[in-house]
Amino acid sequence: MSKAVRNSPTHTVGHLPIRFGTVGSPTITPKSGGSAAAVACIRELNLDALELAWVQSVVASDEACARIKAAAEQHNVAISVHAPYYINLNAETEAMWLAGRERLLAAARAGYKAGATDIIFHPGSYMKRDPQTANAIALARLGEVADTLRREKIAVILRPETMGKRAMLGTLEETIAWSRQIESVLPCVDFAHLHARAGDGTFNTYDEFAAAIRLIAAGLGQRGIQHMHIHFSGIAYSAKGEQHHLNLADADINFKAFFKALADLGVSGRVLCETPNLEQDAVLMQNTYRRAYARAAARPA
């Protein structure tokens, strides 16, 4: 492993209120190792969270899930799952919704076997419906999925992700509203998506990041900010929103201000990196947050 990527062995992660990791296996994971090997690589990097990127389909066998869960327990790595992209809570036809529902349920069922506590998914698009109508349909369908998992005793948090294009369901306000109505739902807040969705370079200052965190706290209380699940990356965007992810060094996103806001406002949970270089920026994020957290902790009460 490159020394530029590895965290210093004197830096421990156990005392931080936020775990850091990657969405998808680190780039150093052996090709034949599978997700269990990715868990071991996360720990070798001195990170402690991994989001399984099941974004095309859910094909993990029960045996593979058992290996992932055992590795996560051995290495103290928190597991989440990114469900397939092809889910739309506002699908136009019943057949399209039923297919999407089965993908989300499959991700939750297999993820639970793999030790995942959180299932992240893209909530879909407005499909030319007005936002109020689309939100009502989305809420009913999300509640249906949550009820099914509750009956099956699959104890996971469903996390609709904030999205980076204005045509997509998934504003911060929408994800908070769904979470207020359904006990087993909380947002996955992608702050890069929120920056890109604005389309004009805004949502990129300490005050704007802090305002978003305070909005979550106002809507969901301590449950919202002490169990946050965050995606973060650099991002390219146009006036219409997100285009693609970028490494932090190549993007305009103000990551130092972001991690200062997390530290100052007492956020707990996980931050998962989605930049192209994955673990390199995950380590950078963790170290940036560690410094901000130390400064926040040193201030007089």
C-alpha atoms as a PDB file:
ATOM      1  CA  MET A   1       0.000   0.000   0.000  1.00  0.00           C
ATOM      2  CA  SER A   2       1.201   3.501  -0.794  1.00  0.00           C
ATOM      3  CA  LYS A   3       2.524   5.372   2.207  1.00  0.00           C
ATOM      4  CA  ALA A   4       0.690   8.433   0.876  1.00  0.00           C
ATOM      5  CA  VAL A   5      -2.602   6.659   1.452  1.00  0.00           C
ATOM      6  CA  ARG A   6      -2.039   4.870   4.746  1.00  0.00           C
ATOM      7  CA  ASN A   7      -3.032   6.738   7.894  1.00  0.00           C
ATOM      8  CA  SER A   8      -0.367   7.274  10.491  1.00  0.00           C
ATOM      9  CA  PRO A   9      -0.437   4.419  13.045  1.00  0.00           C
ATOM     10  CA  THR A  10      -0.476   7.030  15.817  1.00  0.00           C
ATOM     11  CA  HIS A  11      -3.871   8.224  14.595  1.00  0.00           C
ATOM     12  CA  THR A  12      -6.635   6.138  16.134  1.00  0.00           C
ATOM     13  CA  VAL A  13     -10.206   6.333  14.873  1.00  0.00           C
ATOM     14  CA  GLY A  14     -12.005   4.844  17.841  1.00  0.00           C
ATOM     15  CA  HIS A  15     -12.412   8.122  19.722  1.00  0.00           C
ATOM     16  CA  LEU A  16     -13.942  10.069  16.841  1.00  0.00           C
ATOM     17  CA  PRO A  17     -17.731  10.399  16.752  1.00  0.00           C
ATOM     18  CA  ILE A  18     -17.711   9.920  12.965  1.00  0.00           C
ATOM     19  CA  ARG A  19     -16.561   6.821  11.110  1.00  0.00           C
ATOM     20  CA  PHE A  20     -14.966   7.243   7.682  1.00  0.00           C
ATOM     21  CA  GLY A  21     -14.844   4.899   4.732  1.00  0.00           C
ATOM     22  CA  THR A  22     -15.619   4.396   1.051  1.00  0.00           C
ATOM     23  CA  VAL A  23     -18.616   3.667  -1.140  1.00  0.00           C
ATOM     24  CA  GLY A  24     -17.405   0.550  -2.877  1.00  0.00           C
ATOM     25  CA  SER A  25     -14.262  -1.464  -2.295  1.00  0.00           C
ATOM     26  CA  PRO A  26     -10.992   0.469  -1.891  1.00  0.00           C
ATOM     27  CA  THR A  27      -8.912   0.462  -5.051  1.00  0.00           C
ATOM     28  CA  ILE A  28      -6.231  -1.622  -3.310  1.00  0.00           C
ATOM     29  CA  THR A  29      -8.630  -4.536  -2.691  1.00  0.00           C
ATOM     30  CA  PRO A  30      -7.385  -7.760  -4.346  1.00  0.00           C
ATOM     31  CA  LYS A  31      -9.539  -8.564  -7.378  1.00  0.00           C
ATOM     32  CA  SER A  32     -10.216 -12.079  -6.098  1.00  0.00           C
ATOM     33  CA  GLY A  33     -10.904 -11.061  -2.523  1.00  0.00           C
ATOM     34  CA  GLY A  34     -14.476  -9.848  -2.730  1.00  0.00           C
ATOM     35  CA  SER A  35     -16.182  -7.625  -0.190  1.00  0.00           C
ATOM     36  CA  ALA A  36     -14.762  -9.460   2.817  1.00  0.00           C
ATOM     37  CA  ALA A  37     -11.270  -8.556   1.589  1.00  0.00           C
ATOM     38  CA  ALA A  38     -12.460  -4.971   1.097  1.00  0.00           C
ATOM     39  CA  VAL A  39     -13.418  -4.862   4.778  1.00  0.00           C
ATOM     40  CA  ALA A  40      -9.889  -5.930   5.740  1.00  0.00           C
ATOM     41  CA  CYS A  41      -8.450  -3.236   3.448  1.00  0.00           C
ATOM     42  CA  ILE A  42     -10.626  -0.607   5.105  1.00  0.00           C
ATOM     43  CA  ARG A  43      -9.137  -1.535   8.476  1.00  0.00           C
ATOM     44  CA  GLU A  44      -5.597  -1.636   7.032  1.00  0.00           C
ATOM     45  CA  LEU A  45      -6.165   1.946   5.905  1.00  0.00           C
ATOM     46  CA  ASN A  46      -7.221   2.816   9.470  1.00  0.00           C
ATOM     47  CA  LEU A  47     -10.718   3.629   8.230  1.00  0.00           C
ATOM     48  CA  ASP A  48     -13.783   2.019   9.767  1.00  0.00           C
ATOM     49  CA  ALA A  49     -16.801   2.073   7.442  1.00  0.00           C
ATOM     50  CA  LEU A  50     -17.629   0.453   4.111  1.00  0.00           C
ATOM     51  CA  GLU A  51     -20.675   0.887   1.898  1.00  0.00           C
ATOM     52  CA  LEU A  52     -21.233  -2.120  -0.331  1.00  0.00           C
ATOM     53  CA  ALA A  53     -21.940  -0.753  -3.816  1.00  0.00           C
ATOM     54  CA  TRP A  54     -24.680  -3.115  -4.991  1.00  0.00           C
ATOM     55  CA  VAL A  55     -25.786  -0.477  -7.471  1.00  0.00           C
ATOM     56  CA  GLN A  56     -26.445  -2.732 -10.484  1.00  0.00           C
ATOM     57  CA  SER A  57     -28.029  -5.740  -8.801  1.00  0.00           C
ATOM     58  CA  VAL A  58     -28.014  -7.767  -5.598  1.00  0.00           C
ATOM     59  CA  VAL A  59     -26.241 -11.060  -6.272  1.00  0.00           C
ATOM     60  CA  ALA A  60     -24.395 -11.784  -3.011  1.00  0.00           C
ATOM     61  CA  SER A  61     -24.981 -15.318  -1.773  1.00  0.00           C
ATOM     62  CA  ASP A  62     -25.803 -16.134   1.837  1.00  0.00           C
ATOM     63  CA  GLU A  63     -22.265 -17.499   2.199  1.00  0.00           C
ATOM     64  CA  ALA A  64     -20.714 -14.300   0.858  1.00  0.00           C
ATOM     65  CA  CYS A  65     -22.897 -12.224   3.170  1.00  0.00           C
ATOM     66  CA  ALA A  66     -21.775 -14.326   6.127  1.00  0.00           C
ATOM     67  CA  ARG A  67     -18.124 -13.722   5.198  1.00  0.00           C
ATOM     68  CA  ILE A  68     -18.690  -9.974   4.978  1.00  0.00           C
ATOM     69  CA  LYS A  69     -20.427  -9.893   8.352  1.00  0.00           C
ATOM     70  CA  ALA A  70     -17.682 -11.934  10.012  1.00  0.00           C
ATOM     71  CA  ALA A  71     -14.959  -9.702   8.545  1.00  0.00           C
ATOM     72  CA  ALA A  72     -16.799  -6.566   9.662  1.00  0.00           C
ATOM     73  CA  GLU A  73     -17.113  -7.874  13.207  1.00  0.00           C
ATOM     74  CA  GLN A  74     -13.456  -8.942  13.269  1.00  0.00           C
ATOM     75  CA  HIS A  75     -12.170  -5.582  12.020  1.00  0.00           C
ATOM     76  CA  ASN A  76     -14.772  -3.296  13.654  1.00  0.00           C
ATOM     77  CA  VAL A  77     -15.950  -1.894  10.339  1.00  0.00           C
ATOM     78  CA  ALA A  78     -19.488  -0.511  10.021  1.00  0.00           C
ATOM     79  CA  ILE A  79     -21.337  -1.832   6.959  1.00  0.00           C
ATOM     80  CA  SER A  80     -23.986  -0.160   4.834  1.00  0.00           C
ATOM     81  CA  VAL A  81     -25.372  -1.000   1.388  1.00  0.00           C
ATOM     82  CA  HIS A  82     -26.049   1.167  -1.636  1.00  0.00           C
ATOM     83  CA  ALA A  83     -29.081  -0.434  -3.277  1.00  0.00           C
ATOM     84  CA  PRO A  84     -29.466  -0.675  -7.080  1.00  0.00           C
ATOM     85  CA  TYR A  85     -29.978   2.562  -8.969  1.00  0.00           C
ATOM     86  CA  TYR A  86     -33.162   1.296 -10.618  1.00  0.00           C
ATOM     87  CA  ILE A  87     -35.590   2.287  -7.875  1.00  0.00           C
ATOM     88  CA  ASN A  88     -38.212   5.015  -8.195  1.00  0.00           C
ATOM     89  CA  LEU A  89     -40.599   5.664  -5.339  1.00  0.00           C
ATOM     90  CA  ASN A  90     -42.636   7.703  -7.829  1.00  0.00           C
ATOM     91  CA  ALA A  91     -42.640   5.180 -10.690  1.00  0.00           C
ATOM     92  CA  GLU A  92     -45.418   5.834 -13.200  1.00  0.00           C
ATOM     93  CA  THR A  93     -46.739   2.276 -13.383  1.00  0.00           C
ATOM     94  CA  GLU A  94     -47.431  -0.337 -10.752  1.00  0.00           C
ATOM     95  CA  ALA A  95     -45.204  -2.824 -12.585  1.00  0.00           C
ATOM     96  CA  MET A  96     -42.261  -0.406 -12.522  1.00  0.00           C
ATOM     97  CA  TRP A  97     -42.788   0.249  -8.834  1.00  0.00           C
ATOM     98  CA  LEU A  98     -43.053  -3.447  -7.955  1.00  0.00           C
ATOM     99  CA  ALA A  99     -39.751  -4.127  -9.746  1.00  0.00           C
ATOM    100  CA  GLY A 100     -38.060  -1.266  -7.888  1.00  0.00           C
ATOM    101  CA  ARG A 101     -39.568  -2.348  -4.579  1.00  0.00           C
ATOM    102  CA  GLU A 102     -38.137  -5.845  -5.020  1.00  0.00           C
ATOM    103  CA  ARG A 103     -34.671  -4.397  -5.687  1.00  0.00           C
ATOM    104  CA  LEU A 104     -34.842  -2.337  -2.510  1.00  0.00           C
ATOM    105  CA  LEU A 105     -36.131  -5.263  -0.458  1.00  0.00           C
ATOM    106  CA  ALA A 106     -33.443  -7.554  -1.900  1.00  0.00           C
ATOM    107  CA  ALA A 107     -30.733  -5.070  -0.913  1.00  0.00           C
ATOM    108  CA  ALA A 108     -32.134  -4.817   2.608  1.00  0.00           C
ATOM    109  CA  ARG A 109     -32.512  -8.566   3.075  1.00  0.00           C
ATOM    110  CA  ALA A 110     -29.040  -9.435   1.798  1.00  0.00           C
ATOM    111  CA  GLY A 111     -27.480  -6.396   3.449  1.00  0.00           C
ATOM    112  CA  TYR A 112     -28.885  -7.401   6.824  1.00  0.00           C
ATOM    113  CA  LYS A 113     -27.288 -10.835   6.408  1.00  0.00           C
ATOM    114  CA  ALA A 114     -23.997  -9.080   5.625  1.00  0.00           C
ATOM    115  CA  GLY A 115     -24.188  -7.042   8.828  1.00  0.00           C
ATOM    116  CA  ALA A 116     -25.397  -3.807   7.233  1.00  0.00           C
ATOM    117  CA  THR A 117     -27.353  -1.411   9.413  1.00  0.00           C
ATOM    118  CA  ASP A 118     -28.254   1.124   6.708  1.00  0.00           C
ATOM    119  CA  ILE A 119     -29.607   0.769   3.169  1.00  0.00           C
ATOM    120  CA  ILE A 120     -29.011   3.755   0.899  1.00  0.00           C
ATOM    121  CA  PHE A 121     -31.018   4.281  -2.278  1.00  0.00           C
ATOM    122  CA  HIS A 122     -31.875   6.892  -4.885  1.00  0.00           C
ATOM    123  CA  PRO A 123     -35.541   7.803  -4.399  1.00  0.00           C
ATOM    124  CA  GLY A 124     -36.309   8.439  -8.077  1.00  0.00           C
ATOM    125  CA  SER A 125     -37.644  11.381 -10.057  1.00  0.00           C
ATOM    126  CA  TYR A 126     -40.726  13.583 -10.249  1.00  0.00           C
ATOM    127  CA  MET A 127     -41.787  12.016 -13.588  1.00  0.00           C
ATOM    128  CA  LYS A 128     -43.541  15.268 -14.621  1.00  0.00           C
ATOM    129  CA  ARG A 129     -45.736  15.131 -11.515  1.00  0.00           C
ATOM    130  CA  ASP A 130     -45.882  18.126  -9.248  1.00  0.00           C
ATOM    131  CA  PRO A 131     -43.654  17.707  -6.160  1.00  0.00           C
ATOM    132  CA  GLN A 132     -46.584  17.477  -3.739  1.00  0.00           C
ATOM    133  CA  THR A 133     -48.184  14.580  -5.636  1.00  0.00           C
ATOM    134  CA  ALA A 134     -44.853  12.836  -6.150  1.00  0.00           C
ATOM    135  CA  ASN A 135     -44.023  13.150  -2.462  1.00  0.00           C
ATOM    136  CA  ALA A 136     -47.343  11.667  -1.374  1.00  0.00           C
ATOM    137  CA  ILE A 137     -46.808   8.649  -3.643  1.00  0.00           C
ATOM    138  CA  ALA A 138     -43.204   8.273  -2.471  1.00  0.00           C
ATOM    139  CA  LEU A 139     -44.160   8.418   1.189  1.00  0.00           C
ATOM    140  CA  ALA A 140     -46.831   5.717   0.823  1.00  0.00           C
ATOM    141  CA  ARG A 141     -44.518   3.391  -1.078  1.00  0.00           C
ATOM    142  CA  LEU A 142     -41.580   3.934   1.267  1.00  0.00           C
ATOM    143  CA  GLY A 143     -43.877   3.171   4.200  1.00  0.00           C
ATOM    144  CA  GLU A 144     -44.912  -0.038   2.468  1.00  0.00           C
ATOM    145  CA  VAL A 145     -41.287  -1.175   2.183  1.00  0.00           C
ATOM    146  CA  ALA A 146     -40.580  -0.253   5.806  1.00  0.00           C
ATOM    147  CA  ASP A 147     -43.638  -2.222   6.962  1.00  0.00           C
ATOM    148  CA  THR A 148     -42.522  -5.289   5.005  1.00  0.00           C
ATOM    149  CA  LEU A 149     -39.052  -5.216   6.545  1.00  0.00           C
ATOM    150  CA  ARG A 150     -40.499  -4.717  10.013  1.00  0.00           C
ATOM    151  CA  ARG A 151     -42.714  -7.782   9.582  1.00  0.00           C
ATOM    152  CA  GLU A 152     -39.680  -9.773   8.432  1.00  0.00           C
ATOM    153  CA  LYS A 153     -37.700  -8.535  11.465  1.00  0.00           C
ATOM    154  CA  ILE A 154     -35.014  -7.018   9.233  1.00  0.00           C
ATOM    155  CA  ALA A 155     -33.683  -4.233  11.440  1.00  0.00           C
ATOM    156  CA  VAL A 156     -32.148  -1.738   9.014  1.00  0.00           C
ATOM    157  CA  ILE A 157     -32.522   1.984   8.425  1.00  0.00           C
ATOM    158  CA  LEU A 158     -33.759   2.903   4.955  1.00  0.00           C
ATOM    159  CA  ARG A 159     -31.915   5.997   3.763  1.00  0.00           C
ATOM    160  CA  PRO A 160     -33.213   7.922   0.744  1.00  0.00           C
ATOM    161  CA  GLU A 161     -30.310   9.932  -0.630  1.00  0.00           C
ATOM    162  CA  THR A 162     -30.361  13.650  -1.361  1.00  0.00           C
ATOM    163  CA  MET A 163     -29.944  13.980  -5.105  1.00  0.00           C
ATOM    164  CA  GLY A 164     -27.873  16.272  -7.301  1.00  0.00           C
ATOM    165  CA  LYS A 165     -30.324  17.100 -10.107  1.00  0.00           C
ATOM    166  CA  ARG A 166     -33.451  19.212  -9.824  1.00  0.00           C
ATOM    167  CA  ALA A 167     -35.550  16.701 -11.771  1.00  0.00           C
ATOM    168  CA  MET A 168     -34.901  14.085  -9.086  1.00  0.00           C
ATOM    169  CA  LEU A 169     -36.788  13.408  -5.901  1.00  0.00           C
ATOM    170  CA  GLY A 170     -34.536  13.941  -2.928  1.00  0.00           C
ATOM    171  CA  THR A 171     -34.238  17.481  -1.671  1.00  0.00           C
ATOM    172  CA  LEU A 172     -33.001  17.724   1.883  1.00  0.00           C
ATOM    173  CA  GLU A 173     -36.467  18.856   2.958  1.00  0.00           C
ATOM    174  CA  GLU A 174     -38.125  15.870   1.278  1.00  0.00           C
ATOM    175  CA  THR A 175     -35.848  13.325   2.925  1.00  0.00           C
ATOM    176  CA  ILE A 176     -36.417  14.951   6.319  1.00  0.00           C
ATOM    177  CA  ALA A 177     -40.187  14.891   5.811  1.00  0.00           C
ATOM    178  CA  TRP A 178     -40.194  11.180   4.928  1.00  0.00           C
ATOM    179  CA  SER A 179     -38.032  10.459   7.970  1.00  0.00           C
ATOM    180  CA  ARG A 180     -40.456  12.299  10.254  1.00  0.00           C
ATOM    181  CA  GLN A 181     -43.292  10.058   9.074  1.00  0.00           C
ATOM    182  CA  ILE A 182     -41.563   6.651   9.059  1.00  0.00           C
ATOM    183  CA  GLU A 183     -39.626   5.467  12.085  1.00  0.00           C
ATOM    184  CA  SER A 184     -37.105   3.296  10.230  1.00  0.00           C
ATOM    185  CA  VAL A 185     -36.184   5.988   7.688  1.00  0.00           C
ATOM    186  CA  LEU A 186     -33.433   8.614   7.924  1.00  0.00           C
ATOM    187  CA  PRO A 187     -31.733  10.673   5.203  1.00  0.00           C
ATOM    188  CA  CYS A 188     -28.492   9.826   3.479  1.00  0.00           C
ATOM    189  CA  VAL A 189     -27.231  13.378   3.049  1.00  0.00           C
ATOM    190  CA  ASP A 190     -24.954  13.795   0.056  1.00  0.00           C
ATOM    191  CA  PHE A 191     -23.577  17.290   0.579  1.00  0.00           C
ATOM    192  CA  ALA A 192     -21.843  17.273  -2.812  1.00  0.00           C
ATOM    193  CA  HIS A 193     -25.219  16.566  -4.420  1.00  0.00           C
ATOM    194  CA  LEU A 194     -26.752  19.499  -2.561  1.00  0.00           C
ATOM    195  CA  HIS A 195     -23.940  21.734  -3.812  1.00  0.00           C
ATOM    196  CA  ALA A 196     -24.444  20.491  -7.382  1.00  0.00           C
ATOM    197  CA  ARG A 197     -28.251  20.714  -7.214  1.00  0.00           C
ATOM    198  CA  ALA A 198     -27.971  24.435  -6.520  1.00  0.00           C
ATOM    199  CA  GLY A 199     -26.173  24.704  -9.859  1.00  0.00           C
ATOM    200  CA  ASP A 200     -24.669  28.103  -9.174  1.00  0.00           C
ATOM    201  CA  GLY A 201     -21.762  27.426  -6.823  1.00  0.00           C
ATOM    202  CA  THR A 202     -23.758  28.072  -3.661  1.00  0.00           C
ATOM    203  CA  PHE A 203     -24.302  25.642  -0.799  1.00  0.00           C
ATOM    204  CA  ASN A 204     -20.554  25.618  -0.295  1.00  0.00           C
ATOM    205  CA  THR A 205     -19.829  27.699   2.810  1.00  0.00           C
ATOM    206  CA  TYR A 206     -19.543  26.967   6.504  1.00  0.00           C
ATOM    207  CA  ASP A 207     -22.792  28.810   7.173  1.00  0.00           C
ATOM    208  CA  GLU A 208     -24.662  26.899   4.454  1.00  0.00           C
ATOM    209  CA  PHE A 209     -23.382  23.526   5.677  1.00  0.00           C
ATOM    210  CA  ALA A 210     -24.231  24.441   9.268  1.00  0.00           C
ATOM    211  CA  ALA A 211     -27.722  25.593   8.252  1.00  0.00           C
ATOM    212  CA  ALA A 212     -28.390  22.215   6.639  1.00  0.00           C
ATOM    213  CA  ILE A 213     -27.282  20.377   9.774  1.00  0.00           C
ATOM    214  CA  ARG A 214     -29.484  22.623  11.910  1.00  0.00           C
ATOM    215  CA  LEU A 215     -32.417  21.952   9.576  1.00  0.00           C
ATOM    216  CA  ILE A 216     -31.944  18.211  10.111  1.00  0.00           C
ATOM    217  CA  ALA A 217     -31.755  18.720  13.872  1.00  0.00           C
ATOM    218  CA  ALA A 218     -34.917  20.851  13.831  1.00  0.00           C
ATOM    219  CA  GLY A 219     -36.815  18.226  11.844  1.00  0.00           C
ATOM    220  CA  LEU A 220     -35.494  15.026  13.381  1.00  0.00           C
ATOM    221  CA  GLY A 221     -33.933  15.991  16.710  1.00  0.00           C
ATOM    222  CA  GLN A 222     -30.828  14.291  18.040  1.00  0.00           C
ATOM    223  CA  ARG A 223     -31.794  11.143  16.127  1.00  0.00           C
ATOM    224  CA  GLY A 224     -31.105  13.068  12.950  1.00  0.00           C
ATOM    225  CA  ILE A 225     -27.662  14.470  13.690  1.00  0.00           C
ATOM    226  CA  GLN A 226     -26.242  11.764  15.954  1.00  0.00           C
ATOM    227  CA  HIS A 227     -26.884   8.990  13.435  1.00  0.00           C
ATOM    228  CA  MET A 228     -25.999  10.778  10.215  1.00  0.00           C
ATOM    229  CA  HIS A 229     -25.034   8.893   7.098  1.00  0.00           C
ATOM    230  CA  ILE A 230     -23.172  11.228   4.756  1.00  0.00           C
ATOM    231  CA  HIS A 231     -21.836  10.895   1.232  1.00  0.00           C
ATOM    232  CA  PHE A 232     -19.115  13.349   0.291  1.00  0.00           C
ATOM    233  CA  SER A 233     -16.943  14.012  -2.743  1.00  0.00           C
ATOM    234  CA  GLY A 234     -15.835  16.644  -5.170  1.00  0.00           C
ATOM    235  CA  ILE A 235     -18.385  17.136  -7.919  1.00  0.00           C
ATOM    236  CA  ALA A 236     -18.727  18.612 -11.392  1.00  0.00           C
ATOM    237  CA  TYR A 237     -22.027  20.335 -12.155  1.00  0.00           C
ATOM    238  CA  SER A 238     -23.870  22.610 -14.527  1.00  0.00           C
ATOM    239  CA  ALA A 239     -26.889  24.860 -14.114  1.00  0.00           C
ATOM    240  CA  LYS A 240     -29.004  21.668 -14.258  1.00  0.00           C
ATOM    241  CA  GLY A 241     -27.093  20.001 -11.436  1.00  0.00           C
ATOM    242  CA  GLU A 242     -24.746  17.051 -10.988  1.00  0.00           C
ATOM    243  CA  GLN A 243     -22.553  15.746 -13.785  1.00  0.00           C
ATOM    244  CA  HIS A 244     -19.986  13.449 -12.159  1.00  0.00           C
ATOM    245  CA  HIS A 245     -17.832  12.997  -9.064  1.00  0.00           C
ATOM    246  CA  LEU A 246     -14.357  14.528  -8.798  1.00  0.00           C
ATOM    247  CA  ASN A 247     -11.393  14.074  -6.500  1.00  0.00           C
ATOM    248  CA  LEU A 248     -11.301  16.739  -3.792  1.00  0.00           C
ATOM    249  CA  ALA A 249      -8.172  18.325  -5.271  1.00  0.00           C
ATOM    250  CA  ASP A 250      -9.942  18.848  -8.602  1.00  0.00           C
ATOM    251  CA  ALA A 251     -13.196  20.308  -7.256  1.00  0.00           C
ATOM    252  CA  ASP A 252     -14.480  23.558  -5.805  1.00  0.00           C
ATOM    253  CA  ILE A 253     -16.196  21.976  -2.816  1.00  0.00           C
ATOM    254  CA  ASN A 254     -15.094  23.596   0.448  1.00  0.00           C
ATOM    255  CA  PHE A 255     -14.355  20.411   2.353  1.00  0.00           C
ATOM    256  CA  LYS A 256     -12.450  22.091   5.180  1.00  0.00           C
ATOM    257  CA  ALA A 257     -15.452  24.284   6.011  1.00  0.00           C
ATOM    258  CA  PHE A 258     -17.717  21.230   5.787  1.00  0.00           C
ATOM    259  CA  PHE A 259     -15.757  19.157   8.280  1.00  0.00           C
ATOM    260  CA  LYS A 260     -15.450  22.136  10.606  1.00  0.00           C
ATOM    261  CA  ALA A 261     -19.260  22.394  10.590  1.00  0.00           C
ATOM    262  CA  LEU A 262     -19.602  18.698  11.434  1.00  0.00           C
ATOM    263  CA  ALA A 263     -17.192  19.079  14.342  1.00  0.00           C
ATOM    264  CA  ASP A 264     -18.643  22.327  15.670  1.00  0.00           C
ATOM    265  CA  LEU A 265     -22.248  21.114  15.606  1.00  0.00           C
ATOM    266  CA  GLY A 266     -21.597  17.775  17.292  1.00  0.00           C
ATOM    267  CA  VAL A 267     -22.550  15.494  14.400  1.00  0.00           C
ATOM    268  CA  SER A 268     -22.050  11.735  14.838  1.00  0.00           C
ATOM    269  CA  GLY A 269     -22.358   8.921  12.335  1.00  0.00           C
ATOM    270  CA  ARG A 270     -20.516   8.022   9.128  1.00  0.00           C
ATOM    271  CA  VAL A 271     -18.951   9.792   6.158  1.00  0.00           C
ATOM    272  CA  LEU A 272     -18.486   7.703   3.014  1.00  0.00           C
ATOM    273  CA  CYS A 273     -16.198   8.935   0.253  1.00  0.00           C
ATOM    274  CA  GLU A 274     -17.312   8.727  -3.390  1.00  0.00           C
ATOM    275  CA  THR A 275     -14.403  10.410  -5.159  1.00  0.00           C
ATOM    276  CA  PRO A 276     -12.646   8.506  -7.978  1.00  0.00           C
ATOM    277  CA  ASN A 277      -9.561   7.900  -5.823  1.00  0.00           C
ATOM    278  CA  LEU A 278     -11.737   6.591  -2.959  1.00  0.00           C
ATOM    279  CA  GLU A 279      -9.414   5.709  -0.084  1.00  0.00           C
ATOM    280  CA  GLN A 280      -6.975   8.548  -0.707  1.00  0.00           C
ATOM    281  CA  ASP A 281      -9.686  11.149  -0.231  1.00  0.00           C
ATOM    282  CA  ALA A 282     -11.355   9.114   2.536  1.00  0.00           C
ATOM    283  CA  VAL A 283      -8.113   9.371   4.512  1.00  0.00           C
ATOM    284  CA  LEU A 284      -7.872  13.086   3.676  1.00  0.00           C
ATOM    285  CA  MET A 285     -11.440  13.589   4.894  1.00  0.00           C
ATOM    286  CA  GLN A 286     -10.789  11.726   8.122  1.00  0.00           C
ATOM    287  CA  ASN A 287      -7.606  13.670   8.857  1.00  0.00           C
ATOM    288  CA  THR A 288      -9.288  16.999   8.041  1.00  0.00           C
ATOM    289  CA  TYR A 289     -12.166  16.170  10.367  1.00  0.00           C
ATOM    290  CA  ARG A 290      -9.792  14.946  13.078  1.00  0.00           C
ATOM    291  CA  ARG A 291      -8.064  18.338  13.157  1.00  0.00           C
ATOM    292  CA  ALA A 292     -11.388  20.201  13.190  1.00  0.00           C
ATOM    293  CA  TYR A 293     -12.692  17.962  15.968  1.00  0.00           C
ATOM    294  CA  ALA A 294      -9.577  18.540  18.082  1.00  0.00           C
ATOM    295  CA  ARG A 295      -9.945  22.297  17.686  1.00  0.00           C
ATOM    296  CA  ALA A 296     -13.646  22.169  18.573  1.00  0.00           C
ATOM    297  CA  ALA A 297     -12.946  20.020  21.636  1.00  0.00           C
ATOM    298  CA  ALA A 298     -10.237  22.414  22.834  1.00  0.00           C
ATOM    299  CA  ARG A 299     -12.531  25.460  22.885  1.00  0.00           C
ATOM    300  CA  PRO A 300     -13.850  26.593  26.282  1.00  0.00           C
ATOM    301  CA  ALA A 301     -17.380  25.374  26.955  1.00  0.00           C
END
